[in-house]
Amino acid sequence: MKKSSFMLLLLISNLTFAQKRAKTKDWISIFNGKDLSGWDIKISGQPLNDNYKNTFRIEDGMMRIKYDQYQNFDEKYGHIYYKKPYSYYIVRFIYRFNGNQTPGGAIWNNRNSGIMVHSQSAQSLTFEQTFPISLEMQLLGGLGKGERHTGNLCSPGTQAYMQGSLRPAHCLESDSKTYDGDQWVSAEAIVLGDSVVHHVINGDTVLTYNKTQIGGGFVGGKQDWEVAKMDKATIEAWKKKDGTALKSGYIALQAESHPIDFKNIEVLNLEGCTDPQALNYKSYFVKANKSACRYKKRKV
């Protein structure tokens, strides 16, 4: 009787542990706070991984995008790309704008930056290309007066649906608060393949869209591909993909003339083993990947 009670307690204990393990979220820090390992840089008009004028740098555990070595911005639009693509995931981070805009930056880029999701890879960009084909979670800082929402959607070479309708506009505005000054703001993008994307600012969901796809021209309804600075063959290749579902891609941080800092950049992969009998089962996975399952070896 005592042995049976002990075995029952052991079974309950193991089951409780397994349930806790299944619920524990395995956030991955994709920025180590020390260097740029695991990231690729592509700046318009520069070779792959040429960190032009030390634009991207590490200081005090932050990833900083700075322009103190520039005399003029000269349309050196740049992005830094994490090495691994994702499909179903959450990316979260903290950001702040600081200082003044770099001379030569466009008026609309004052306190303007972003994080690209479902992006093409750094390696696939053409030499002069300004922005990757991607979904941009646009980050805007307040200008000291009036509303200026952050967590918007901008869509270079992409488009999405909202409330059942295709929205061809290049940028779709969120309903976030305005964040003036150089304050830190927390943000996350919840990205579920091509089904739905949520933008969250300081804990509030400020924008939701779905049916993400390639198309819509490079900057929306005007079909203005000239801004992309791609060769004609590349433009035509992208145009042939209009309407193709955009289900996965890379994460990239943007550099477009205003200094900005990022820290605590983390990803939670939502795709994995959904079999409760597997060792690596997670209850929060929303996309099943049977090939990822690992099982306890049976004793011979």
C-alpha atoms as a PDB file:
ATOM      1  CA  MET A   1       0.000   0.000   0.000  1.00  0.00           C
ATOM      2  CA  LYS A   2       2.825   2.343   0.904  1.00  0.00           C
ATOM      3  CA  LYS A   3       4.624   1.493  -2.352  1.00  0.00           C
ATOM      4  CA  SER A   4       1.474   2.199  -4.370  1.00  0.00           C
ATOM      5  CA  SER A   5       1.031   5.578  -2.672  1.00  0.00           C
ATOM      6  CA  PHE A   6       4.654   6.464  -3.353  1.00  0.00           C
ATOM      7  CA  MET A   7       4.346   5.537  -7.040  1.00  0.00           C
ATOM      8  CA  LEU A   8       1.158   7.600  -7.333  1.00  0.00           C
ATOM      9  CA  LEU A   9       2.862  10.637  -5.790  1.00  0.00           C
ATOM     10  CA  LEU A  10       5.832  10.151  -8.110  1.00  0.00           C
ATOM     11  CA  LEU A  11       3.515   9.960 -11.122  1.00  0.00           C
ATOM     12  CA  ILE A  12       1.689  13.135 -10.071  1.00  0.00           C
ATOM     13  CA  SER A  13       4.995  14.911  -9.451  1.00  0.00           C
ATOM     14  CA  ASN A  14       6.350  13.941 -12.876  1.00  0.00           C
ATOM     15  CA  LEU A  15       3.108  14.975 -14.546  1.00  0.00           C
ATOM     16  CA  THR A  16       3.147  18.365 -12.801  1.00  0.00           C
ATOM     17  CA  PHE A  17       6.770  18.922 -13.816  1.00  0.00           C
ATOM     18  CA  ALA A  18       5.997  17.997 -17.414  1.00  0.00           C
ATOM     19  CA  GLN A  19       3.048  20.397 -17.486  1.00  0.00           C
ATOM     20  CA  LYS A  20       5.167  23.245 -16.122  1.00  0.00           C
ATOM     21  CA  ARG A  21       7.899  22.491 -18.646  1.00  0.00           C
ATOM     22  CA  ALA A  22       5.354  22.482 -21.471  1.00  0.00           C
ATOM     23  CA  LYS A  23       4.098  25.929 -20.431  1.00  0.00           C
ATOM     24  CA  THR A  24       7.541  27.480 -19.876  1.00  0.00           C
ATOM     25  CA  LYS A  25       8.235  29.853 -22.765  1.00  0.00           C
ATOM     26  CA  ASP A  26      11.645  29.456 -24.364  1.00  0.00           C
ATOM     27  CA  TRP A  27      12.431  33.040 -25.333  1.00  0.00           C
ATOM     28  CA  ILE A  28      15.654  33.308 -27.346  1.00  0.00           C
ATOM     29  CA  SER A  29      17.834  36.385 -27.028  1.00  0.00           C
ATOM     30  CA  ILE A  30      18.945  37.115 -30.601  1.00  0.00           C
ATOM     31  CA  PHE A  31      21.261  39.947 -29.557  1.00  0.00           C
ATOM     32  CA  ASN A  32      24.017  39.136 -27.069  1.00  0.00           C
ATOM     33  CA  GLY A  33      24.714  42.737 -26.029  1.00  0.00           C
ATOM     34  CA  LYS A  34      28.429  42.344 -26.805  1.00  0.00           C
ATOM     35  CA  ASP A  35      28.852  42.206 -30.584  1.00  0.00           C
ATOM     36  CA  LEU A  36      26.961  41.827 -33.877  1.00  0.00           C
ATOM     37  CA  SER A  37      27.572  38.094 -34.302  1.00  0.00           C
ATOM     38  CA  GLY A  38      24.579  36.343 -35.844  1.00  0.00           C
ATOM     39  CA  TRP A  39      23.574  39.428 -37.825  1.00  0.00           C
ATOM     40  CA  ASP A  40      24.171  40.558 -41.423  1.00  0.00           C
ATOM     41  CA  ILE A  41      24.353  44.184 -42.524  1.00  0.00           C
ATOM     42  CA  LYS A  42      23.193  45.556 -45.867  1.00  0.00           C
ATOM     43  CA  ILE A  43      23.325  49.281 -46.578  1.00  0.00           C
ATOM     44  CA  SER A  44      22.232  50.739 -49.899  1.00  0.00           C
ATOM     45  CA  GLY A  45      25.199  51.144 -52.236  1.00  0.00           C
ATOM     46  CA  GLN A  46      27.552  49.173 -49.980  1.00  0.00           C
ATOM     47  CA  PRO A  47      28.710  45.522 -50.107  1.00  0.00           C
ATOM     48  CA  LEU A  48      27.110  42.935 -47.853  1.00  0.00           C
ATOM     49  CA  ASN A  49      28.361  43.280 -44.254  1.00  0.00           C
ATOM     50  CA  ASP A  50      30.103  46.596 -44.898  1.00  0.00           C
ATOM     51  CA  ASN A  51      29.168  48.502 -41.718  1.00  0.00           C
ATOM     52  CA  TYR A  52      29.437  51.870 -43.440  1.00  0.00           C
ATOM     53  CA  LYS A  53      30.749  54.572 -41.082  1.00  0.00           C
ATOM     54  CA  ASN A  54      30.078  52.333 -38.084  1.00  0.00           C
ATOM     55  CA  THR A  55      26.313  52.803 -38.449  1.00  0.00           C
ATOM     56  CA  PHE A  56      25.478  49.716 -36.398  1.00  0.00           C
ATOM     57  CA  ARG A  57      27.365  49.369 -33.131  1.00  0.00           C
ATOM     58  CA  ILE A  58      27.255  47.988 -29.613  1.00  0.00           C
ATOM     59  CA  GLU A  59      27.481  50.333 -26.637  1.00  0.00           C
ATOM     60  CA  ASP A  60      26.483  49.693 -23.019  1.00  0.00           C
ATOM     61  CA  GLY A  61      24.692  46.462 -23.953  1.00  0.00           C
ATOM     62  CA  MET A  62      22.539  48.195 -26.575  1.00  0.00           C
ATOM     63  CA  MET A  63      22.415  47.878 -30.348  1.00  0.00           C
ATOM     64  CA  ARG A  64      22.788  51.464 -31.438  1.00  0.00           C
ATOM     65  CA  ILE A  65      22.167  52.950 -34.870  1.00  0.00           C
ATOM     66  CA  LYS A  66      24.188  56.158 -35.011  1.00  0.00           C
ATOM     67  CA  TYR A  67      25.363  58.669 -37.573  1.00  0.00           C
ATOM     68  CA  ASP A  68      28.057  60.650 -35.773  1.00  0.00           C
ATOM     69  CA  GLN A  69      30.587  59.711 -38.481  1.00  0.00           C
ATOM     70  CA  TYR A  70      28.301  60.940 -41.305  1.00  0.00           C
ATOM     71  CA  GLN A  71      28.462  64.408 -42.791  1.00  0.00           C
ATOM     72  CA  ASN A  72      25.302  63.746 -44.809  1.00  0.00           C
ATOM     73  CA  PHE A  73      22.894  60.802 -44.879  1.00  0.00           C
ATOM     74  CA  ASP A  74      23.071  60.487 -48.710  1.00  0.00           C
ATOM     75  CA  GLU A  75      20.228  57.939 -48.803  1.00  0.00           C
ATOM     76  CA  LYS A  76      22.314  55.259 -47.109  1.00  0.00           C
ATOM     77  CA  TYR A  77      19.246  53.305 -46.059  1.00  0.00           C
ATOM     78  CA  GLY A  78      20.370  50.263 -44.142  1.00  0.00           C
ATOM     79  CA  HIS A  79      19.177  47.210 -42.242  1.00  0.00           C
ATOM     80  CA  ILE A  80      20.723  44.625 -39.977  1.00  0.00           C
ATOM     81  CA  TYR A  81      19.269  41.109 -40.363  1.00  0.00           C
ATOM     82  CA  TYR A  82      19.170  38.269 -37.866  1.00  0.00           C
ATOM     83  CA  LYS A  83      20.647  35.085 -39.364  1.00  0.00           C
ATOM     84  CA  LYS A  84      17.619  32.791 -38.931  1.00  0.00           C
ATOM     85  CA  PRO A  85      14.215  33.023 -40.675  1.00  0.00           C
ATOM     86  CA  TYR A  86      10.962  32.446 -38.791  1.00  0.00           C
ATOM     87  CA  SER A  87       7.352  31.833 -39.749  1.00  0.00           C
ATOM     88  CA  TYR A  88       5.270  31.669 -36.550  1.00  0.00           C
ATOM     89  CA  TYR A  89       6.847  33.727 -33.791  1.00  0.00           C
ATOM     90  CA  ILE A  90       6.837  36.717 -31.477  1.00  0.00           C
ATOM     91  CA  VAL A  91       9.655  39.242 -31.579  1.00  0.00           C
ATOM     92  CA  ARG A  92       9.889  41.707 -28.703  1.00  0.00           C
ATOM     93  CA  PHE A  93      12.301  44.518 -27.875  1.00  0.00           C
ATOM     94  CA  ILE A  94      12.687  47.934 -26.288  1.00  0.00           C
ATOM     95  CA  TYR A  95      13.606  50.996 -28.321  1.00  0.00           C
ATOM     96  CA  ARG A  96      14.207  54.718 -27.936  1.00  0.00           C
ATOM     97  CA  PHE A  97      14.969  57.566 -30.311  1.00  0.00           C
ATOM     98  CA  ASN A  98      17.646  60.011 -29.290  1.00  0.00           C
ATOM     99  CA  GLY A  99      19.324  63.187 -30.432  1.00  0.00           C
ATOM    100  CA  ASN A 100      18.717  64.899 -33.742  1.00  0.00           C
ATOM    101  CA  GLN A 101      18.202  63.588 -37.244  1.00  0.00           C
ATOM    102  CA  THR A 102      21.224  63.258 -39.500  1.00  0.00           C
ATOM    103  CA  PRO A 103      21.639  66.082 -42.055  1.00  0.00           C
ATOM    104  CA  GLY A 104      20.279  65.022 -45.441  1.00  0.00           C
ATOM    105  CA  GLY A 105      17.606  62.712 -44.018  1.00  0.00           C
ATOM    106  CA  ALA A 106      14.118  63.069 -45.473  1.00  0.00           C
ATOM    107  CA  ILE A 107      11.604  65.116 -43.452  1.00  0.00           C
ATOM    108  CA  TRP A 108       9.416  62.031 -42.967  1.00  0.00           C
ATOM    109  CA  ASN A 109      12.354  60.161 -41.424  1.00  0.00           C
ATOM    110  CA  ASN A 110      12.602  62.451 -38.405  1.00  0.00           C
ATOM    111  CA  ARG A 111      12.215  60.116 -35.373  1.00  0.00           C
ATOM    112  CA  ASN A 112      11.316  57.338 -37.782  1.00  0.00           C
ATOM    113  CA  SER A 113      12.683  53.790 -37.854  1.00  0.00           C
ATOM    114  CA  GLY A 114      11.308  50.270 -37.813  1.00  0.00           C
ATOM    115  CA  ILE A 115      11.712  46.535 -37.527  1.00  0.00           C
ATOM    116  CA  MET A 116      11.074  44.392 -40.590  1.00  0.00           C
ATOM    117  CA  VAL A 117       9.390  40.989 -40.276  1.00  0.00           C
ATOM    118  CA  HIS A 118       8.951  38.306 -42.957  1.00  0.00           C
ATOM    119  CA  SER A 119      11.807  40.069 -44.746  1.00  0.00           C
ATOM    120  CA  GLN A 120      13.896  38.816 -47.635  1.00  0.00           C
ATOM    121  CA  SER A 121      17.453  37.949 -46.586  1.00  0.00           C
ATOM    122  CA  ALA A 122      20.330  40.419 -46.556  1.00  0.00           C
ATOM    123  CA  GLN A 123      22.109  38.264 -49.146  1.00  0.00           C
ATOM    124  CA  SER A 124      19.212  38.540 -51.612  1.00  0.00           C
ATOM    125  CA  LEU A 125      19.140  42.353 -51.781  1.00  0.00           C
ATOM    126  CA  THR A 126      20.550  44.037 -54.869  1.00  0.00           C
ATOM    127  CA  PHE A 127      23.503  46.409 -54.446  1.00  0.00           C
ATOM    128  CA  GLU A 128      21.607  49.728 -54.457  1.00  0.00           C
ATOM    129  CA  GLN A 129      18.350  48.417 -52.952  1.00  0.00           C
ATOM    130  CA  THR A 130      16.951  50.740 -50.287  1.00  0.00           C
ATOM    131  CA  PHE A 131      14.497  48.506 -48.378  1.00  0.00           C
ATOM    132  CA  PRO A 132      13.899  44.761 -48.315  1.00  0.00           C
ATOM    133  CA  ILE A 133      10.634  43.233 -49.477  1.00  0.00           C
ATOM    134  CA  SER A 134       9.062  42.871 -46.044  1.00  0.00           C
ATOM    135  CA  LEU A 135       6.433  43.950 -43.536  1.00  0.00           C
ATOM    136  CA  GLU A 136       7.697  46.898 -41.514  1.00  0.00           C
ATOM    137  CA  MET A 137       6.532  47.549 -37.987  1.00  0.00           C
ATOM    138  CA  GLN A 138       7.135  51.273 -38.257  1.00  0.00           C
ATOM    139  CA  LEU A 139       8.414  53.018 -35.130  1.00  0.00           C
ATOM    140  CA  LEU A 140       7.722  56.744 -34.803  1.00  0.00           C
ATOM    141  CA  GLY A 141       8.633  59.129 -32.019  1.00  0.00           C
ATOM    142  CA  GLY A 142       6.522  62.131 -31.078  1.00  0.00           C
ATOM    143  CA  LEU A 143       7.594  65.546 -32.356  1.00  0.00           C
ATOM    144  CA  GLY A 144       6.526  67.483 -29.264  1.00  0.00           C
ATOM    145  CA  LYS A 145       3.078  68.467 -30.490  1.00  0.00           C
ATOM    146  CA  GLY A 146       0.107  66.609 -31.903  1.00  0.00           C
ATOM    147  CA  GLU A 147      -0.445  62.869 -32.298  1.00  0.00           C
ATOM    148  CA  ARG A 148       2.116  60.602 -33.897  1.00  0.00           C
ATOM    149  CA  HIS A 149       1.299  56.935 -33.656  1.00  0.00           C
ATOM    150  CA  THR A 150       3.915  54.189 -33.475  1.00  0.00           C
ATOM    151  CA  GLY A 151       3.644  50.485 -34.310  1.00  0.00           C
ATOM    152  CA  ASN A 152       2.225  51.233 -37.763  1.00  0.00           C
ATOM    153  CA  LEU A 153       2.498  48.941 -40.789  1.00  0.00           C
ATOM    154  CA  CYS A 154       4.507  49.982 -43.840  1.00  0.00           C
ATOM    155  CA  SER A 155       4.801  47.538 -46.706  1.00  0.00           C
ATOM    156  CA  PRO A 156       7.673  47.743 -49.220  1.00  0.00           C
ATOM    157  CA  GLY A 157       6.701  45.246 -51.918  1.00  0.00           C
ATOM    158  CA  THR A 158       3.990  43.710 -49.736  1.00  0.00           C
ATOM    159  CA  GLN A 159       0.340  44.152 -48.818  1.00  0.00           C
ATOM    160  CA  ALA A 160      -2.187  42.889 -46.281  1.00  0.00           C
ATOM    161  CA  TYR A 161      -5.867  42.713 -45.420  1.00  0.00           C
ATOM    162  CA  MET A 162      -7.616  44.488 -42.564  1.00  0.00           C
ATOM    163  CA  GLN A 163     -11.182  43.745 -41.494  1.00  0.00           C
ATOM    164  CA  GLY A 164     -11.800  41.679 -44.609  1.00  0.00           C
ATOM    165  CA  SER A 165     -10.513  44.203 -47.165  1.00  0.00           C
ATOM    166  CA  LEU A 166      -7.213  44.458 -49.020  1.00  0.00           C
ATOM    167  CA  ARG A 167      -5.437  47.644 -47.970  1.00  0.00           C
ATOM    168  CA  PRO A 168      -3.130  48.816 -50.793  1.00  0.00           C
ATOM    169  CA  ALA A 169      -1.833  51.915 -48.972  1.00  0.00           C
ATOM    170  CA  HIS A 170       1.901  51.836 -48.272  1.00  0.00           C
ATOM    171  CA  CYS A 171       1.427  52.626 -44.551  1.00  0.00           C
ATOM    172  CA  LEU A 172      -1.469  51.755 -42.256  1.00  0.00           C
ATOM    173  CA  GLU A 173      -1.686  53.726 -39.027  1.00  0.00           C
ATOM    174  CA  SER A 174      -2.079  52.155 -35.597  1.00  0.00           C
ATOM    175  CA  ASP A 175      -4.095  53.588 -32.713  1.00  0.00           C
ATOM    176  CA  SER A 176      -1.159  53.809 -30.291  1.00  0.00           C
ATOM    177  CA  LYS A 177      -0.392  56.630 -27.924  1.00  0.00           C
ATOM    178  CA  THR A 178       2.224  59.240 -28.854  1.00  0.00           C
ATOM    179  CA  TYR A 179       5.636  58.851 -27.217  1.00  0.00           C
ATOM    180  CA  ASP A 180       7.557  62.118 -27.158  1.00  0.00           C
ATOM    181  CA  GLY A 181      11.194  62.613 -26.241  1.00  0.00           C
ATOM    182  CA  ASP A 182      13.868  59.975 -25.775  1.00  0.00           C
ATOM    183  CA  GLN A 183      11.861  57.601 -23.584  1.00  0.00           C
ATOM    184  CA  TRP A 184      12.144  53.824 -23.820  1.00  0.00           C
ATOM    185  CA  VAL A 185       9.133  52.088 -25.417  1.00  0.00           C
ATOM    186  CA  SER A 186       8.453  48.332 -25.404  1.00  0.00           C
ATOM    187  CA  ALA A 187       7.174  46.705 -28.572  1.00  0.00           C
ATOM    188  CA  GLU A 188       6.401  43.296 -29.971  1.00  0.00           C
ATOM    189  CA  ALA A 189       5.135  41.807 -33.195  1.00  0.00           C
ATOM    190  CA  ILE A 190       3.120  38.587 -33.002  1.00  0.00           C
ATOM    191  CA  VAL A 191       3.527  37.007 -36.434  1.00  0.00           C
ATOM    192  CA  LEU A 192       1.525  33.893 -37.372  1.00  0.00           C
ATOM    193  CA  GLY A 193       2.613  32.879 -40.869  1.00  0.00           C
ATOM    194  CA  ASP A 194       0.456  34.622 -43.453  1.00  0.00           C
ATOM    195  CA  SER A 195      -2.679  34.388 -41.305  1.00  0.00           C
ATOM    196  CA  VAL A 196      -2.449  37.295 -38.861  1.00  0.00           C
ATOM    197  CA  VAL A 197       0.012  39.814 -37.393  1.00  0.00           C
ATOM    198  CA  HIS A 198      -0.490  41.875 -34.237  1.00  0.00           C
ATOM    199  CA  HIS A 199       1.557  44.946 -33.285  1.00  0.00           C
ATOM    200  CA  VAL A 200       1.803  45.554 -29.536  1.00  0.00           C
ATOM    201  CA  ILE A 201       3.137  48.744 -27.911  1.00  0.00           C
ATOM    202  CA  ASN A 202       3.677  48.933 -24.145  1.00  0.00           C
ATOM    203  CA  GLY A 203       1.316  45.986 -23.687  1.00  0.00           C
ATOM    204  CA  ASP A 204      -1.511  47.322 -25.887  1.00  0.00           C
ATOM    205  CA  THR A 205      -2.421  45.732 -29.242  1.00  0.00           C
ATOM    206  CA  VAL A 206      -2.463  48.762 -31.532  1.00  0.00           C
ATOM    207  CA  LEU A 207      -2.781  47.176 -34.992  1.00  0.00           C
ATOM    208  CA  THR A 208      -3.910  43.845 -36.459  1.00  0.00           C
ATOM    209  CA  TYR A 209      -3.798  42.722 -40.091  1.00  0.00           C
ATOM    210  CA  ASN A 210      -3.914  39.422 -41.979  1.00  0.00           C
ATOM    211  CA  LYS A 211      -3.442  37.590 -45.300  1.00  0.00           C
ATOM    212  CA  THR A 212       0.069  38.965 -45.701  1.00  0.00           C
ATOM    213  CA  GLN A 213       1.353  38.701 -49.268  1.00  0.00           C
ATOM    214  CA  ILE A 214       3.809  39.982 -51.818  1.00  0.00           C
ATOM    215  CA  GLY A 215       2.403  42.752 -54.030  1.00  0.00           C
ATOM    216  CA  GLY A 216       0.999  46.247 -54.028  1.00  0.00           C
ATOM    217  CA  GLY A 217       3.987  47.852 -55.725  1.00  0.00           C
ATOM    218  CA  PHE A 218       6.972  48.993 -53.709  1.00  0.00           C
ATOM    219  CA  VAL A 219       5.296  51.926 -51.980  1.00  0.00           C
ATOM    220  CA  GLY A 220       1.628  51.101 -52.294  1.00  0.00           C
ATOM    221  CA  GLY A 221      -0.955  52.171 -54.835  1.00  0.00           C
ATOM    222  CA  LYS A 222       1.410  54.233 -57.000  1.00  0.00           C
ATOM    223  CA  GLN A 223       3.401  51.072 -57.837  1.00  0.00           C
ATOM    224  CA  ASP A 224       6.542  53.198 -57.455  1.00  0.00           C
ATOM    225  CA  TRP A 225       9.372  50.693 -57.821  1.00  0.00           C
ATOM    226  CA  GLU A 226      11.915  53.428 -58.595  1.00  0.00           C
ATOM    227  CA  VAL A 227      12.269  54.056 -54.865  1.00  0.00           C
ATOM    228  CA  ALA A 228      13.553  50.488 -54.452  1.00  0.00           C
ATOM    229  CA  LYS A 229      16.626  51.160 -56.629  1.00  0.00           C
ATOM    230  CA  MET A 230      16.496  47.636 -58.055  1.00  0.00           C
ATOM    231  CA  ASP A 231      17.425  46.645 -61.596  1.00  0.00           C
ATOM    232  CA  LYS A 232      14.567  46.058 -64.046  1.00  0.00           C
ATOM    233  CA  ALA A 233      14.950  42.280 -64.076  1.00  0.00           C
ATOM    234  CA  THR A 234      14.647  42.080 -60.284  1.00  0.00           C
ATOM    235  CA  ILE A 235      11.594  44.342 -60.279  1.00  0.00           C
ATOM    236  CA  GLU A 236       9.891  42.206 -62.916  1.00  0.00           C
ATOM    237  CA  ALA A 237      10.675  39.052 -60.918  1.00  0.00           C
ATOM    238  CA  TRP A 238       8.985  40.506 -57.836  1.00  0.00           C
ATOM    239  CA  LYS A 239       5.998  41.719 -59.853  1.00  0.00           C
ATOM    240  CA  LYS A 240       5.394  38.154 -61.058  1.00  0.00           C
ATOM    241  CA  LYS A 241       4.948  37.136 -57.411  1.00  0.00           C
ATOM    242  CA  ASP A 242       2.046  39.552 -56.803  1.00  0.00           C
ATOM    243  CA  GLY A 243      -0.563  37.899 -54.601  1.00  0.00           C
ATOM    244  CA  THR A 244       1.820  35.192 -53.341  1.00  0.00           C
ATOM    245  CA  ALA A 245       1.325  34.498 -49.643  1.00  0.00           C
ATOM    246  CA  LEU A 246       4.117  35.853 -47.441  1.00  0.00           C
ATOM    247  CA  LYS A 247       4.493  33.152 -44.794  1.00  0.00           C
ATOM    248  CA  SER A 248       8.017  33.538 -43.417  1.00  0.00           C
ATOM    249  CA  GLY A 249      11.211  35.539 -43.552  1.00  0.00           C
ATOM    250  CA  TYR A 250      13.894  37.333 -41.601  1.00  0.00           C
ATOM    251  CA  ILE A 251      13.862  39.952 -38.841  1.00  0.00           C
ATOM    252  CA  ALA A 252      15.729  43.189 -39.586  1.00  0.00           C
ATOM    253  CA  LEU A 253      16.272  46.471 -37.741  1.00  0.00           C
ATOM    254  CA  GLN A 254      16.190  49.642 -39.777  1.00  0.00           C
ATOM    255  CA  ALA A 255      18.556  52.569 -40.213  1.00  0.00           C
ATOM    256  CA  GLU A 256      17.016  55.520 -42.029  1.00  0.00           C
ATOM    257  CA  SER A 257      18.713  58.677 -40.700  1.00  0.00           C
ATOM    258  CA  HIS A 258      17.527  59.167 -37.082  1.00  0.00           C
ATOM    259  CA  PRO A 259      19.615  57.681 -34.241  1.00  0.00           C
ATOM    260  CA  ILE A 260      17.821  54.903 -32.366  1.00  0.00           C
ATOM    261  CA  ASP A 261      18.753  52.354 -29.693  1.00  0.00           C
ATOM    262  CA  PHE A 262      17.474  48.792 -29.271  1.00  0.00           C
ATOM    263  CA  LYS A 263      17.879  46.372 -26.392  1.00  0.00           C
ATOM    264  CA  ASN A 264      16.373  43.137 -25.013  1.00  0.00           C
ATOM    265  CA  ILE A 265      15.701  41.789 -28.522  1.00  0.00           C
ATOM    266  CA  GLU A 266      14.088  38.369 -28.099  1.00  0.00           C
ATOM    267  CA  VAL A 267      12.186  35.844 -30.193  1.00  0.00           C
ATOM    268  CA  LEU A 268       9.685  33.197 -29.119  1.00  0.00           C
ATOM    269  CA  ASN A 269       9.305  30.537 -31.804  1.00  0.00           C
ATOM    270  CA  LEU A 270       5.657  29.434 -32.007  1.00  0.00           C
ATOM    271  CA  GLU A 271       6.328  26.537 -34.379  1.00  0.00           C
ATOM    272  CA  GLY A 272       7.409  23.175 -33.012  1.00  0.00           C
ATOM    273  CA  CYS A 273       6.354  19.840 -31.584  1.00  0.00           C
ATOM    274  CA  THR A 274       2.675  19.734 -30.599  1.00  0.00           C
ATOM    275  CA  ASP A 275       2.636  16.084 -29.449  1.00  0.00           C
ATOM    276  CA  PRO A 276       2.137  16.040 -25.630  1.00  0.00           C
ATOM    277  CA  GLN A 277       4.038  12.726 -25.504  1.00  0.00           C
ATOM    278  CA  ALA A 278       7.234  14.309 -26.832  1.00  0.00           C
ATOM    279  CA  LEU A 279      10.046  15.583 -24.620  1.00  0.00           C
ATOM    280  CA  ASN A 280      10.064  18.975 -26.318  1.00  0.00           C
ATOM    281  CA  TYR A 281       6.294  19.547 -26.466  1.00  0.00           C
ATOM    282  CA  LYS A 282       5.208  23.111 -25.743  1.00  0.00           C
ATOM    283  CA  SER A 283       1.606  24.005 -25.062  1.00  0.00           C
ATOM    284  CA  TYR A 284       2.002  27.475 -26.616  1.00  0.00           C
ATOM    285  CA  PHE A 285       3.032  26.251 -30.079  1.00  0.00           C
ATOM    286  CA  VAL A 286       0.432  27.234 -32.666  1.00  0.00           C
ATOM    287  CA  LYS A 287       2.072  25.600 -35.699  1.00  0.00           C
ATOM    288  CA  ALA A 288       2.869  21.877 -35.681  1.00  0.00           C
ATOM    289  CA  ASN A 289       6.233  20.601 -36.869  1.00  0.00           C
ATOM    290  CA  LYS A 290       6.321  16.812 -36.445  1.00  0.00           C
ATOM    291  CA  SER A 291       9.943  16.555 -37.562  1.00  0.00           C
ATOM    292  CA  ALA A 292      10.969  18.615 -34.534  1.00  0.00           C
ATOM    293  CA  CYS A 293       9.566  16.121 -31.982  1.00  0.00           C
ATOM    294  CA  ARG A 294      11.980  14.266 -29.709  1.00  0.00           C
ATOM    295  CA  TYR A 295      10.956  11.211 -27.714  1.00  0.00           C
ATOM    296  CA  LYS A 296      12.362   9.308 -24.769  1.00  0.00           C
ATOM    297  CA  LYS A 297      14.364   6.292 -25.891  1.00  0.00           C
ATOM    298  CA  ARG A 298      12.798   2.984 -25.043  1.00  0.00           C
ATOM    299  CA  LYS A 299      14.822   0.560 -22.993  1.00  0.00           C
ATOM    300  CA  VAL A 300      15.737  -2.567 -24.925  1.00  0.00           C
END
